């Protein structure tokens, strides 16, 4: 916070104009393990170089030079690999330190090694939230978050766990953009036009279409969001009469779910 109590905006965002006052700043996530990795790889590289030097010191002039070079070359190759891994880790830290986002009253800005992207709220056209829970041997090991935003020019911004509190950042963006995106979709639906959400298309006359499967509204027994999928169940249908679409690949999912809830009702599951 600065002396006025406003969030301290990093200097790289100073050129952002027209989005109003800064509300909150989200920094890149650089962990201690990242620096630990750099140190380990660098020390391994130095150790391997020391091994190569020791080979030359003890064996040059005593053994055939081809034998010495071969043995020292293995150590040198190990050093190159270790230094390459250390450099890669440093590059990852550099990229992460360049990452950041700032929420403004009228939009948001995102920074990466490619520069600054700044969009007012009304430029966000599509959002996709891919949230994945990970398990190892049935033991929960964490959740990853990838949020992708597109504008009308098909330009995109990707927000993920390399940003601190990325969930809260996306929740705020969704809260600011949902009313306009919902109104646009609802107006289009109410006017009789089809509204597409990735693999899912809805319309008053055509009902609900998921991929190549289409259902009239009065044919649908249930629409359920469950375990990361939007599942459609047909009245009196068999095992293969229903359809599913991945929630994590469906643009403007919350808009779609709100419209479906009003038309056919929506159930949720674990």
Protein backbone atom coordinates (compact mmCIF):
# COMPACT_ATOMS: atom_id res chain seq x y z
CA UNK A 1 0.00 0.00 0.00
CA UNK A 2 1.15 3.55 -0.66
CA UNK A 3 0.80 6.44 1.77
CA UNK A 4 -2.80 7.01 0.64
CA UNK A 5 -3.80 3.42 1.39
CA UNK A 6 -4.03 2.48 -2.30
CA UNK A 7 -2.34 -0.72 -3.57
CA UNK A 8 1.28 -0.21 -4.65
CA UNK A 9 1.24 -0.81 -8.41
CA UNK A 10 4.52 -2.12 -9.93
CA UNK A 11 6.30 0.35 -12.18
CA UNK A 12 5.73 -1.74 -15.30
CA UNK A 13 1.99 -0.98 -14.99
CA UNK A 14 2.47 2.79 -14.80
CA UNK A 15 1.71 3.24 -18.51
CA UNK A 16 -1.74 1.62 -18.17
CA UNK A 17 -4.32 4.35 -18.73
CA UNK A 18 -8.09 4.64 -18.83
CA UNK A 19 -9.00 1.83 -16.43
CA UNK A 20 -9.60 3.95 -13.35
CA UNK A 21 -8.10 3.50 -9.92
CA UNK A 22 -6.14 0.38 -9.01
CA UNK A 23 -8.10 -1.94 -6.73
CA UNK A 24 -5.75 -4.85 -6.09
CA UNK A 25 -2.36 -6.16 -7.23
CA UNK A 26 -1.54 -9.83 -7.85
CA UNK A 27 2.13 -10.81 -7.99
CA UNK A 28 3.89 -13.71 -9.66
CA UNK A 29 4.60 -16.74 -7.50
CA UNK A 30 8.32 -17.35 -7.01
CA UNK A 31 8.87 -20.10 -4.44
CA UNK A 32 11.93 -20.94 -2.40
CA UNK A 33 12.04 -24.27 -4.21
CA UNK A 34 12.72 -22.42 -7.46
CA UNK A 35 15.88 -20.86 -6.05
CA UNK A 36 16.79 -24.16 -4.41
CA UNK A 37 16.63 -25.84 -7.82
CA UNK A 38 18.93 -23.21 -9.32
CA UNK A 39 21.43 -23.72 -6.51
CA UNK A 40 21.37 -27.51 -6.76
CA UNK A 41 21.85 -27.56 -10.54
CA UNK A 42 24.59 -24.92 -10.40
CA UNK A 43 26.49 -26.81 -7.68
CA UNK A 44 26.10 -30.03 -9.61
CA UNK A 45 27.55 -28.31 -12.69
CA UNK A 46 30.49 -26.98 -10.70
CA UNK A 47 31.06 -30.42 -9.22
CA UNK A 48 31.05 -32.01 -12.65
CA UNK A 49 33.55 -29.42 -13.93
CA UNK A 50 35.71 -30.21 -10.92
CA UNK A 51 35.52 -33.89 -11.82
CA UNK A 52 36.67 -33.15 -15.37
CA UNK A 53 39.57 -31.04 -14.06
CA UNK A 54 40.56 -33.80 -11.64
CA UNK A 55 40.65 -36.33 -14.47
CA UNK A 56 43.03 -34.09 -16.44
CA UNK A 57 45.20 -33.45 -13.37
CA UNK A 58 45.59 -37.10 -12.43
CA UNK A 59 45.64 -38.83 -15.80
CA UNK A 60 46.96 -36.47 -18.48
CA UNK A 61 50.38 -37.63 -19.63
CA UNK A 62 49.92 -41.02 -17.98
CA UNK A 63 47.08 -42.50 -20.01
CA UNK A 64 46.36 -42.24 -23.71
CA UNK A 65 44.87 -38.83 -24.44
CA UNK A 66 41.79 -40.41 -26.09
CA UNK A 67 40.99 -42.28 -22.86
CA UNK A 68 41.47 -39.14 -20.76
CA UNK A 69 39.36 -36.99 -23.08
CA UNK A 70 36.58 -39.56 -23.11
CA UNK A 71 36.43 -39.77 -19.32
CA UNK A 72 36.73 -36.01 -18.84
CA UNK A 73 34.18 -35.47 -21.61
CA UNK A 74 31.57 -37.39 -19.64
CA UNK A 75 32.10 -35.08 -16.68
CA UNK A 76 31.99 -32.03 -18.97
CA UNK A 77 28.75 -33.25 -20.56
CA UNK A 78 27.22 -33.66 -17.11
CA UNK A 79 28.31 -30.10 -16.27
CA UNK A 80 26.67 -28.75 -19.43
CA UNK A 81 23.41 -30.52 -18.61
CA UNK A 82 23.45 -29.25 -15.03
CA UNK A 83 24.21 -25.66 -16.08
CA UNK A 84 21.47 -25.85 -18.73
CA UNK A 85 18.98 -26.95 -16.06
CA UNK A 86 20.15 -24.13 -13.77
CA UNK A 87 19.74 -21.62 -16.62
CA UNK A 88 16.27 -23.01 -17.34
CA UNK A 89 15.32 -22.60 -13.70
CA UNK A 90 16.61 -19.03 -13.70
CA UNK A 91 14.61 -18.30 -16.87
CA UNK A 92 11.52 -19.69 -15.18
CA UNK A 93 12.09 -17.39 -12.20
CA UNK A 94 12.62 -14.43 -14.53
CA UNK A 95 9.37 -15.20 -16.36
CA UNK A 96 7.51 -15.56 -13.06
CA UNK A 97 8.87 -12.28 -11.72
CA UNK A 98 7.61 -10.59 -14.88
CA UNK A 99 4.15 -12.03 -14.27
CA UNK A 100 1.55 -9.97 -12.48
CA UNK A 101 -1.93 -8.56 -12.72
CA UNK A 102 -3.69 -5.46 -11.49
CA UNK A 103 -7.41 -5.07 -11.00
CA UNK A 104 -8.72 -1.62 -11.76
CA UNK A 105 -12.14 -0.10 -11.27
CA UNK A 106 -12.91 -0.40 -14.98
CA UNK A 107 -10.80 -3.33 -16.14
CA UNK A 108 -7.64 -5.33 -15.56
CA UNK A 109 -4.04 -5.50 -16.78
CA UNK A 110 -1.75 -8.51 -17.04
CA UNK A 111 2.01 -8.57 -17.48
CA UNK A 112 4.32 -11.25 -18.81
CA UNK A 113 7.69 -11.40 -20.56
CA UNK A 114 5.81 -10.36 -23.71
CA UNK A 115 4.65 -7.09 -22.16
CA UNK A 116 1.47 -5.59 -20.72
CA UNK A 117 -2.07 -6.44 -21.80
CA UNK A 118 -4.79 -4.12 -20.53
CA UNK A 119 -8.51 -4.63 -21.19
CA UNK A 120 -11.54 -2.71 -19.95
CA UNK A 121 -14.33 -4.99 -18.75
CA UNK A 122 -16.37 -4.57 -21.91
CA UNK A 123 -13.58 -6.05 -24.05
CA UNK A 124 -13.80 -9.47 -22.39
CA UNK A 125 -15.91 -11.65 -24.70
CA UNK A 126 -15.24 -15.21 -23.55
CA UNK A 127 -13.84 -16.81 -20.42
CA UNK A 128 -12.93 -20.45 -19.86
CA UNK A 129 -12.18 -21.74 -16.37
CA UNK A 130 -10.28 -25.04 -16.25
CA UNK A 131 -9.98 -26.19 -12.64
CA UNK A 132 -8.47 -29.65 -12.17
CA UNK A 133 -8.23 -31.63 -8.95
CA UNK A 134 -5.22 -33.95 -8.93
CA UNK A 135 -4.97 -37.34 -7.23
CA UNK A 136 -2.09 -39.78 -6.82
CA UNK A 137 -3.11 -43.29 -5.78
CA UNK A 138 -6.52 -41.82 -4.89
CA UNK A 139 -4.93 -39.29 -2.54
CA UNK A 140 -5.73 -35.66 -3.28
CA UNK A 141 -2.52 -33.79 -4.13
CA UNK A 142 -3.78 -30.36 -5.12
CA UNK A 143 -5.78 -28.32 -7.59
CA UNK A 144 -4.53 -26.48 -10.66
CA UNK A 145 -6.25 -23.44 -12.16
CA UNK A 146 -6.07 -22.14 -15.72
CA UNK A 147 -8.32 -19.25 -16.72
CA UNK A 148 -8.33 -18.12 -20.35
CA UNK A 149 -9.89 -14.84 -21.47
CA UNK A 150 -10.54 -13.78 -25.07
CA UNK A 151 -11.52 -10.47 -26.61
CA UNK A 152 -13.36 -9.80 -29.88
CA UNK A 153 -10.05 -9.82 -31.81
CA UNK A 154 -9.42 -13.41 -30.64
CA UNK A 155 -6.54 -12.21 -28.48
CA UNK A 156 -6.21 -14.07 -25.22
CA UNK A 157 -4.84 -13.75 -21.72
CA UNK A 158 -4.01 -16.83 -19.65
CA UNK A 159 -4.10 -16.63 -15.87
CA UNK A 160 -2.83 -19.63 -13.89
CA UNK A 161 -1.24 -20.70 -10.62
CA UNK A 162 1.92 -18.79 -11.40
CA UNK A 163 -0.03 -15.84 -10.00
CA UNK A 164 -0.71 -15.62 -6.29
CA UNK A 165 -4.43 -15.91 -5.44
CA UNK A 166 -5.35 -16.46 -9.08
CA UNK A 167 -8.76 -17.86 -8.03
CA UNK A 168 -9.67 -14.61 -6.34
CA UNK A 169 -8.42 -12.65 -9.34
CA UNK A 170 -10.61 -14.63 -11.73
CA UNK A 171 -13.63 -14.46 -9.40
CA UNK A 172 -13.41 -10.68 -9.51
CA UNK A 173 -13.07 -10.63 -13.31
CA UNK A 174 -16.04 -12.97 -13.68
CA UNK A 175 -18.13 -10.87 -11.30
CA UNK A 176 -17.42 -7.74 -13.34
CA UNK A 177 -18.02 -9.31 -16.77
CA UNK A 178 -20.91 -11.71 -16.05
CA UNK A 179 -23.81 -9.21 -16.15
CA UNK A 180 -22.93 -7.94 -19.64
CA UNK A 181 -22.14 -11.40 -21.06
CA UNK A 182 -25.33 -12.85 -19.58
CA UNK A 183 -27.46 -10.00 -20.95
CA UNK A 184 -25.99 -10.44 -24.44
CA UNK A 185 -26.60 -14.20 -24.44
CA UNK A 186 -30.09 -13.91 -22.94
CA UNK A 187 -31.12 -11.23 -25.46
CA UNK A 188 -29.87 -13.39 -28.32
CA UNK A 189 -31.68 -16.46 -26.96
CA UNK A 190 -34.93 -14.55 -26.35
CA UNK A 191 -34.83 -13.17 -29.90
CA UNK A 192 -34.83 -16.73 -31.26
CA UNK A 193 -31.19 -16.85 -32.32
CA UNK A 194 -28.87 -19.74 -31.43
CA UNK A 195 -26.29 -19.04 -28.73
CA UNK A 196 -23.08 -21.07 -28.85
CA UNK A 197 -20.89 -22.03 -25.89
CA UNK A 198 -18.16 -24.15 -27.43
CA UNK A 199 -19.62 -27.63 -28.01
CA UNK A 200 -22.96 -26.53 -26.56
CA UNK A 201 -25.56 -24.54 -28.50
CA UNK A 202 -28.95 -23.44 -27.20
CA UNK A 203 -31.92 -21.85 -28.91
CA UNK A 204 -35.61 -21.43 -28.23
CA UNK A 205 -36.68 -23.42 -31.26
CA UNK A 206 -33.84 -25.93 -31.47
CA UNK A 207 -33.44 -26.72 -27.79
CA UNK A 208 -30.07 -27.92 -26.55
CA UNK A 209 -27.31 -29.29 -28.75
CA UNK A 210 -24.17 -30.94 -27.38
CA UNK A 211 -21.77 -31.87 -30.14
CA UNK A 212 -23.87 -33.70 -32.74
CA UNK A 213 -26.66 -34.62 -30.32
CA UNK A 214 -29.68 -32.36 -30.21
CA UNK A 215 -32.55 -32.33 -27.71
CA UNK A 216 -35.81 -30.43 -27.77
CA UNK A 217 -36.43 -28.72 -24.46
CA UNK A 218 -39.37 -30.99 -23.61
CA UNK A 219 -37.21 -34.10 -24.27
CA UNK A 220 -34.75 -33.23 -21.52
CA UNK A 221 -35.21 -34.96 -18.19
CA UNK A 222 -32.21 -33.49 -16.45
CA UNK A 223 -29.20 -31.26 -16.92
CA UNK A 224 -26.55 -31.80 -14.29
CA UNK A 225 -23.14 -30.33 -13.63
CA UNK A 226 -21.08 -33.08 -12.06
CA UNK A 227 -17.37 -33.90 -11.66
CA UNK A 228 -16.33 -31.31 -14.21
CA UNK A 229 -18.89 -32.24 -16.87
CA UNK A 230 -22.18 -30.83 -18.07
CA UNK A 231 -24.36 -33.92 -18.46
CA UNK A 232 -27.67 -34.06 -20.32
CA UNK A 233 -30.16 -36.87 -19.65
CA UNK A 234 -32.97 -37.56 -22.11
CA UNK A 235 -36.44 -38.58 -20.93
CA UNK A 236 -36.84 -42.34 -21.28
CA UNK A 237 -33.44 -42.56 -22.91
CA UNK A 238 -30.98 -45.43 -22.67
CA UNK A 239 -27.32 -45.46 -21.75
CA UNK A 240 -26.18 -43.71 -24.90
CA UNK A 241 -29.02 -41.23 -25.30
CA UNK A 242 -27.41 -38.58 -23.13
CA UNK A 243 -24.51 -36.26 -23.83
CA UNK A 244 -21.67 -34.58 -21.96
CA UNK A 245 -19.43 -31.55 -22.42
CA UNK A 246 -16.33 -30.73 -20.40
CA UNK A 247 -17.06 -27.80 -18.10
CA UNK A 248 -13.41 -26.77 -18.21
CA UNK A 249 -13.59 -26.27 -21.98
CA UNK A 250 -16.93 -24.47 -22.18
CA UNK A 251 -16.74 -20.70 -22.78
CA UNK A 252 -18.80 -18.47 -20.48
CA UNK A 253 -19.93 -21.52 -18.51
CA UNK A 254 -21.67 -19.51 -15.78
CA UNK A 255 -23.76 -17.69 -18.38
CA UNK A 256 -24.81 -21.02 -19.93
CA UNK A 257 -25.63 -22.55 -16.56
CA UNK A 258 -27.79 -19.62 -15.54
CA UNK A 259 -29.82 -19.78 -18.76
CA UNK A 260 -30.20 -23.57 -18.52
CA UNK A 261 -31.31 -23.26 -14.91
CA UNK A 262 -34.10 -20.91 -15.97
CA UNK A 263 -35.20 -23.05 -18.93
CA UNK A 264 -35.01 -26.65 -17.66
CA UNK A 265 -33.61 -26.42 -14.14
CA UNK A 266 -30.07 -27.38 -13.23
CA UNK A 267 -28.82 -29.94 -10.76
CA UNK A 268 -25.34 -30.15 -9.31
CA UNK A 269 -23.36 -33.09 -8.03
CA UNK A 270 -20.05 -33.95 -6.46
